[in-house]
Amino acid sequence: MNGINKLAVVETHEIGKNVQIAEFAIVRESVRLGNNIRIHPHVIIEGDVTIDDGAEILAGVVIGAALSDGSGTSNSAGAESVRIGAGTRIGANTIIHFGVEIGTEAVIGSGVVLMPGVVVGEKANIAAGAVVTRNVPAGMMVENIPARRVMKIVRSGEIFVHDLAILESENIGRGTKIWANAHILPGARIGKDCNICDHVFIENDVVIGDRVTIKCGVQIWDGARIEDDVFIGPNVTFTNDLFPRSKCYPEKFLSISIKKGASIGANATLLAGITIGENAMIGAGAVVTKDVPANAVVVGNPAKIIRYLDGK
């Protein structure tokens, strides 16, 4: 059963079941409301607006607002529609302009402004007072004026993503930090509590374990497999093709495997197809052309074993 306060102005007939509309709310004729929606006092909804099931709109929100055309009057002619996904919560005194689309279960804080045409992904979180001028990916938290992303929430928990990083993968473990100008492609898989520093590039067919540190300026190409607790120093070079030619691609790129607890020193070069054993240590600037045994320390060009960390 719907509960529409007698002091509300409700012109639409497209109302689902169990919709609650409080006093002094205004809902215009072209608005479409799903089921189990709650609209608080002093909300204004106008224009081509669709609100899906389970959404809650707190007091003082304006949905379908038009920007001024510069003459002091608003202009909504030809404006796009607004869509608010199921289970979304919109905080008090938020303004949502025409053309905005909000995904399911998003949380919009109080006093937010969503500018025309912005798309907010599902389960995104917009902090109070933010002014959102560009799209917000699914699961992303943004804040400030203009709004900037501060972290992404994924199924495995929370991670930190710098505003200047490009994170396309959703397979990132809890506690991982991704810093400025890093770029991670969609197919990459990264474990828990990793630290991905500035200017790191990680291609698609890459698997990285837990507690891995990747310092600045590293590029990790398809085929790399990096186990838990590995350290990769700044500007380490990975390769995956022993005979590269422009626009010529092998059927399958060669893999580099780095086993648990190994450390790769700054500016080392790893040739395609090699395996670095557990707890091995690669000296700075080394050029590694063949497999390195567990616990071995190698240096030079080509890299040679100088000793073993376990006393061998």
Protein backbone atom coordinates (compact mmCIF):
# COMPACT_ATOMS: atom_id res chain seq x y z
CA MET A 1 0.00 0.00 0.00
CA ASN A 2 1.32 3.42 -0.95
CA GLY A 3 1.57 6.27 1.53
CA ILE A 4 1.31 9.68 -0.13
CA ASN A 5 1.07 12.64 2.21
CA LYS A 6 -1.82 14.99 1.46
CA LEU A 7 0.59 17.93 1.35
CA ALA A 8 2.67 16.31 -1.42
CA VAL A 9 2.11 17.18 -5.08
CA VAL A 10 2.12 13.94 -7.08
CA GLU A 11 1.13 14.23 -10.75
CA THR A 12 2.45 10.91 -12.05
CA HIS A 13 0.31 7.78 -12.28
CA GLU A 14 3.31 5.48 -12.83
CA ILE A 15 3.84 4.48 -9.22
CA GLY A 16 4.76 1.01 -8.00
CA LYS A 17 3.79 -0.69 -4.77
CA ASN A 18 4.71 0.43 -1.24
CA VAL A 19 5.88 3.90 -2.30
CA GLN A 20 6.10 6.51 0.48
CA ILE A 21 6.02 10.21 -0.48
CA ALA A 22 6.33 12.75 2.34
CA GLU A 23 4.89 16.23 2.77
CA PHE A 24 5.84 19.05 0.38
CA ALA A 25 7.46 16.68 -2.11
CA ILE A 26 6.74 17.39 -5.79
CA VAL A 27 6.68 14.55 -8.32
CA ARG A 28 5.80 15.62 -11.86
CA GLU A 29 3.71 13.76 -14.42
CA SER A 30 6.53 12.23 -16.51
CA VAL A 31 8.26 10.61 -13.51
CA ARG A 32 8.20 6.81 -13.15
CA LEU A 33 8.53 5.24 -9.68
CA GLY A 34 9.23 1.57 -8.97
CA ASN A 35 8.34 -0.41 -5.86
CA ASN A 36 9.40 0.21 -2.24
CA ILE A 37 10.64 3.75 -2.84
CA ARG A 38 10.79 6.34 -0.07
CA ILE A 39 10.74 10.06 -0.92
CA HIS A 40 11.35 12.46 1.98
CA PRO A 41 9.99 16.02 2.44
CA HIS A 42 10.74 18.90 0.06
CA VAL A 43 12.03 16.65 -2.74
CA ILE A 44 11.44 17.88 -6.31
CA ILE A 45 11.44 15.38 -9.18
CA GLU A 46 10.67 16.65 -12.65
CA GLY A 47 11.26 15.72 -16.27
CA ASP A 48 11.87 12.28 -17.76
CA VAL A 49 13.00 10.53 -14.56
CA THR A 50 12.91 6.81 -13.72
CA ILE A 51 13.57 5.65 -10.17
CA ASP A 52 13.96 1.91 -9.72
CA ASP A 53 12.88 -0.31 -6.82
CA GLY A 54 14.10 0.31 -3.29
CA ALA A 55 15.62 3.76 -3.80
CA GLU A 56 15.51 6.35 -1.01
CA ILE A 57 15.56 10.11 -1.69
CA LEU A 58 16.27 12.25 1.38
CA ALA A 59 14.92 15.73 2.10
CA GLY A 60 15.56 18.69 -0.20
CA VAL A 61 16.84 16.70 -3.20
CA VAL A 62 16.22 18.10 -6.69
CA ILE A 63 16.18 15.55 -9.53
CA GLY A 64 15.98 16.66 -13.14
CA ALA A 65 17.45 20.12 -12.58
CA ALA A 66 18.27 22.24 -15.65
CA LEU A 67 21.34 24.46 -15.94
CA SER A 68 21.00 28.14 -16.77
CA ASP A 69 21.46 29.03 -20.43
CA GLY A 70 23.40 32.16 -19.45
CA SER A 71 20.47 34.52 -19.70
CA GLY A 72 19.34 33.90 -16.16
CA THR A 73 16.67 31.39 -17.17
CA SER A 74 16.90 27.63 -17.12
CA ASN A 75 16.76 25.65 -20.32
CA SER A 76 15.72 22.02 -20.27
CA ALA A 77 14.57 21.73 -23.88
CA GLY A 78 15.75 18.47 -25.35
CA ALA A 79 17.23 17.43 -22.03
CA GLU A 80 18.09 13.78 -21.55
CA SER A 81 16.40 11.51 -19.04
CA VAL A 82 17.54 10.68 -15.51
CA ARG A 83 17.77 7.09 -14.26
CA ILE A 84 18.31 6.09 -10.64
CA GLY A 85 19.10 2.44 -10.04
CA ALA A 86 17.53 0.05 -7.58
CA GLY A 87 18.60 0.34 -3.95
CA THR A 88 20.33 3.70 -4.40
CA ARG A 89 20.34 6.19 -1.53
CA ILE A 90 20.51 9.92 -2.30
CA GLY A 91 21.49 12.25 0.55
CA ALA A 92 19.75 15.46 1.57
CA ASN A 93 19.96 18.60 -0.60
CA THR A 94 21.64 16.85 -3.51
CA ILE A 95 21.09 18.25 -7.00
CA ILE A 96 20.89 15.85 -9.94
CA HIS A 97 20.94 17.48 -13.38
CA PHE A 98 19.40 16.14 -16.57
CA GLY A 99 21.12 13.24 -18.33
CA VAL A 100 22.45 11.63 -15.15
CA GLU A 101 22.42 7.85 -14.74
CA ILE A 102 23.05 6.22 -11.34
CA GLY A 103 23.68 2.47 -11.05
CA THR A 104 22.20 0.09 -8.52
CA GLU A 105 23.02 0.39 -4.79
CA ALA A 106 25.02 3.58 -5.20
CA VAL A 107 25.33 5.92 -2.20
CA ILE A 108 25.16 9.67 -2.87
CA GLY A 109 26.08 11.86 0.11
CA SER A 110 24.36 15.05 1.25
CA GLY A 111 24.82 18.25 -0.74
CA VAL A 112 26.28 16.53 -3.80
CA VAL A 113 25.93 18.02 -7.29
CA LEU A 114 25.81 15.61 -10.23
CA MET A 115 26.46 17.59 -13.41
CA PRO A 116 24.60 16.87 -16.71
CA GLY A 117 25.39 13.57 -18.40
CA VAL A 118 27.36 12.03 -15.52
CA VAL A 119 27.15 8.24 -15.13
CA VAL A 120 27.64 6.85 -11.63
CA GLY A 121 28.40 3.12 -11.57
CA GLU A 122 26.76 0.55 -9.35
CA LYS A 123 27.80 0.57 -5.68
CA ALA A 124 29.76 3.79 -6.17
CA ASN A 125 30.02 6.10 -3.17
CA ILE A 126 29.93 9.90 -3.58
CA ALA A 127 31.10 11.77 -0.48
CA ALA A 128 29.05 14.64 0.95
CA GLY A 129 29.53 17.97 -0.81
CA ALA A 130 31.24 16.55 -3.91
CA VAL A 131 30.67 18.14 -7.30
CA VAL A 132 30.77 15.32 -9.87
CA THR A 133 31.76 16.47 -13.36
CA ARG A 134 32.80 13.14 -14.92
CA ASN A 135 31.75 9.50 -14.82
CA VAL A 136 32.36 7.48 -11.67
CA PRO A 137 33.23 3.78 -12.24
CA ALA A 138 31.39 1.01 -10.43
CA GLY A 139 32.52 0.57 -6.83
CA MET A 140 34.54 3.80 -6.78
CA MET A 141 34.51 6.28 -3.91
CA VAL A 142 34.94 9.95 -4.86
CA GLU A 143 35.12 13.21 -2.92
CA ASN A 144 35.95 16.92 -3.24
CA ILE A 145 35.25 19.73 -5.76
CA PRO A 146 35.58 18.67 -8.50
CA ALA A 147 35.10 15.10 -7.33
CA ARG A 148 38.20 12.90 -7.38
CA ARG A 149 38.39 9.17 -6.73
CA VAL A 150 40.02 8.14 -3.49
CA MET A 151 39.53 4.38 -3.41
CA LYS A 152 37.78 1.52 -5.08
CA ILE A 153 35.69 -1.04 -3.27
CA VAL A 154 35.87 -4.55 -4.74
CA ARG A 155 34.42 -7.88 -3.66
CA SER A 156 37.52 -8.83 -1.69
CA GLY A 157 37.53 -5.62 0.34
CA GLU A 158 38.97 -2.12 0.08
CA ILE A 159 41.95 -0.97 -1.94
CA PHE A 160 43.56 2.44 -2.37
CA VAL A 161 43.72 3.88 -5.89
CA HIS A 162 45.38 7.25 -6.49
CA ASP A 163 43.34 9.75 -8.48
CA LEU A 164 45.89 9.69 -11.31
CA ALA A 165 46.07 5.90 -11.60
CA ILE A 166 44.18 3.96 -14.29
CA LEU A 167 42.75 0.76 -12.82
CA GLU A 168 40.80 -1.39 -15.29
CA SER A 169 41.01 -4.73 -13.47
CA GLU A 170 38.46 -5.80 -10.88
CA ASN A 171 40.71 -8.60 -9.61
CA ILE A 172 42.59 -6.69 -6.93
CA GLY A 173 43.08 -8.03 -3.39
CA ARG A 174 42.21 -6.25 -0.18
CA GLY A 175 44.76 -3.78 1.18
CA THR A 176 46.57 -3.24 -2.12
CA LYS A 177 47.70 0.32 -2.92
CA ILE A 178 48.00 1.64 -6.47
CA TRP A 179 49.80 4.96 -6.85
CA ALA A 180 49.89 7.85 -9.34
CA ASN A 181 50.17 7.14 -13.08
CA ALA A 182 50.11 3.38 -12.66
CA HIS A 183 48.05 1.59 -15.35
CA ILE A 184 46.62 -1.88 -14.79
CA LEU A 185 44.80 -3.59 -17.68
CA PRO A 186 41.53 -5.51 -17.21
CA GLY A 187 42.91 -9.05 -17.26
CA ALA A 188 45.58 -8.55 -14.59
CA ARG A 189 45.19 -10.33 -11.24
CA ILE A 190 46.84 -8.82 -8.16
CA GLY A 191 46.75 -10.25 -4.64
CA LYS A 192 46.35 -8.74 -1.17
CA ASP A 193 48.47 -6.05 0.50
CA CYS A 194 50.56 -5.25 -2.60
CA ASN A 195 52.19 -1.88 -3.23
CA ILE A 196 52.13 -0.77 -6.88
CA CYS A 197 54.20 2.41 -7.14
CA ASP A 198 54.14 5.34 -9.58
CA HIS A 199 54.43 4.76 -13.34
CA VAL A 200 53.99 0.97 -13.19
CA PHE A 201 52.30 -0.69 -16.19
CA ILE A 202 50.77 -4.18 -15.83
CA GLU A 203 49.45 -5.98 -18.91
CA ASN A 204 46.49 -8.41 -19.09
CA ASP A 205 47.96 -11.91 -18.72
CA VAL A 206 49.76 -11.18 -15.46
CA VAL A 207 49.26 -12.86 -12.08
CA ILE A 208 50.76 -11.25 -8.97
CA GLY A 209 50.56 -12.82 -5.51
CA ASP A 210 50.12 -11.30 -2.05
CA ARG A 211 52.39 -8.70 -0.38
CA VAL A 212 54.33 -7.95 -3.56
CA THR A 213 56.16 -4.62 -3.89
CA ILE A 214 56.63 -3.17 -7.37
CA LYS A 215 58.67 0.03 -7.34
CA CYS A 216 58.43 2.95 -9.78
CA GLY A 217 58.94 2.63 -13.53
CA VAL A 218 58.36 -1.12 -13.93
CA GLN A 219 56.45 -2.60 -16.91
CA ILE A 220 55.17 -6.16 -16.54
CA TRP A 221 54.11 -7.84 -19.78
CA ASP A 222 51.79 -10.73 -20.65
CA GLY A 223 52.94 -14.09 -19.32
CA ALA A 224 54.48 -12.90 -16.05
CA ARG A 225 53.77 -14.94 -12.91
CA ILE A 226 54.93 -13.36 -9.65
CA GLU A 227 54.41 -15.25 -6.38
CA ASP A 228 53.92 -13.95 -2.82
CA ASP A 229 56.37 -11.62 -1.03
CA VAL A 230 58.41 -10.69 -4.13
CA PHE A 231 60.26 -7.37 -4.30
CA ILE A 232 60.74 -5.74 -7.72
CA GLY A 233 63.03 -2.72 -7.68
CA PRO A 234 62.68 0.49 -9.72
CA ASN A 235 62.96 0.30 -13.50
CA VAL A 236 63.27 -3.50 -13.66
CA THR A 237 62.68 -4.63 -17.26
CA PHE A 238 60.53 -7.66 -18.07
CA THR A 239 60.46 -9.22 -21.58
CA ASN A 240 58.27 -11.89 -23.17
CA ASP A 241 59.62 -12.26 -26.73
CA LEU A 242 63.21 -13.28 -27.54
CA PHE A 243 62.96 -12.15 -31.18
CA PRO A 244 60.64 -9.12 -31.22
CA ARG A 245 59.61 -7.45 -34.48
CA SER A 246 57.17 -4.59 -34.93
CA LYS A 247 53.65 -5.86 -35.72
CA CYS A 248 54.81 -9.50 -35.57
CA TYR A 249 53.30 -11.47 -32.70
CA PRO A 250 54.14 -14.99 -31.49
CA GLU A 251 51.36 -17.54 -31.02
CA LYS A 252 52.09 -17.37 -27.30
CA PHE A 253 54.33 -15.01 -25.35
CA LEU A 254 57.03 -16.57 -23.20
CA SER A 255 56.51 -16.50 -19.45
CA ILE A 256 58.69 -15.13 -16.68
CA SER A 257 58.15 -16.82 -13.32
CA ILE A 258 59.35 -15.25 -10.07
CA LYS A 259 58.99 -17.55 -7.08
CA LYS A 260 58.02 -16.69 -3.51
CA GLY A 261 60.24 -14.24 -1.62
CA ALA A 262 62.63 -13.40 -4.47
CA SER A 263 64.06 -9.88 -4.86
CA ILE A 264 64.91 -8.15 -8.16
CA GLY A 265 67.32 -5.21 -7.89
CA ALA A 266 66.92 -1.85 -9.62
CA ASN A 267 67.41 -1.76 -13.41
CA ALA A 268 67.77 -5.54 -13.75
CA THR A 269 66.66 -7.04 -17.08
CA LEU A 270 64.84 -10.38 -17.16
CA LEU A 271 64.85 -12.22 -20.50
CA ALA A 272 61.74 -14.08 -21.58
CA GLY A 273 61.21 -17.68 -20.49
CA ILE A 274 63.24 -17.71 -17.28
CA THR A 275 62.37 -18.71 -13.71
CA ILE A 276 63.71 -16.94 -10.64
CA GLY A 277 63.76 -19.39 -7.70
CA GLU A 278 62.44 -18.85 -4.17
CA ASN A 279 64.31 -16.24 -2.11
CA ALA A 280 66.79 -15.61 -4.93
CA MET A 281 68.47 -12.19 -5.09
CA ILE A 282 69.08 -10.45 -8.43
CA GLY A 283 71.66 -7.68 -8.19
CA ALA A 284 71.03 -4.17 -9.48
CA GLY A 285 71.62 -3.86 -13.22
CA ALA A 286 71.97 -7.61 -13.79
CA VAL A 287 70.93 -9.10 -17.14
CA VAL A 288 69.34 -12.47 -16.36
CA THR A 289 69.44 -14.82 -19.36
CA LYS A 290 68.71 -18.18 -17.71
CA ASP A 291 67.00 -19.71 -14.70
CA VAL A 292 68.21 -18.70 -11.23
CA PRO A 293 68.11 -21.39 -8.49
CA ALA A 294 66.40 -20.86 -5.16
CA ASN A 295 68.43 -18.74 -2.68
CA ALA A 296 71.05 -17.83 -5.31
CA VAL A 297 72.57 -14.33 -5.54
CA VAL A 298 73.37 -13.31 -9.11
CA VAL A 299 75.04 -10.18 -10.53
CA GLY A 300 76.48 -8.94 -13.79
CA ASN A 301 75.87 -9.16 -17.56
CA PRO A 302 75.12 -11.93 -18.16
CA ALA A 303 74.11 -12.63 -14.57
CA LYS A 304 76.22 -15.22 -12.71
CA ILE A 305 75.83 -16.85 -9.32
CA ILE A 306 78.22 -15.43 -6.73
CA ARG A 307 76.87 -17.18 -3.66
CA TYR A 308 73.82 -18.74 -1.96
CA LEU A 309 71.92 -17.13 0.85
CA ASP A 310 71.50 -20.47 2.66
CA GLY A 311 75.27 -21.08 2.79
CA LYS A 312 75.56 -23.42 -0.19
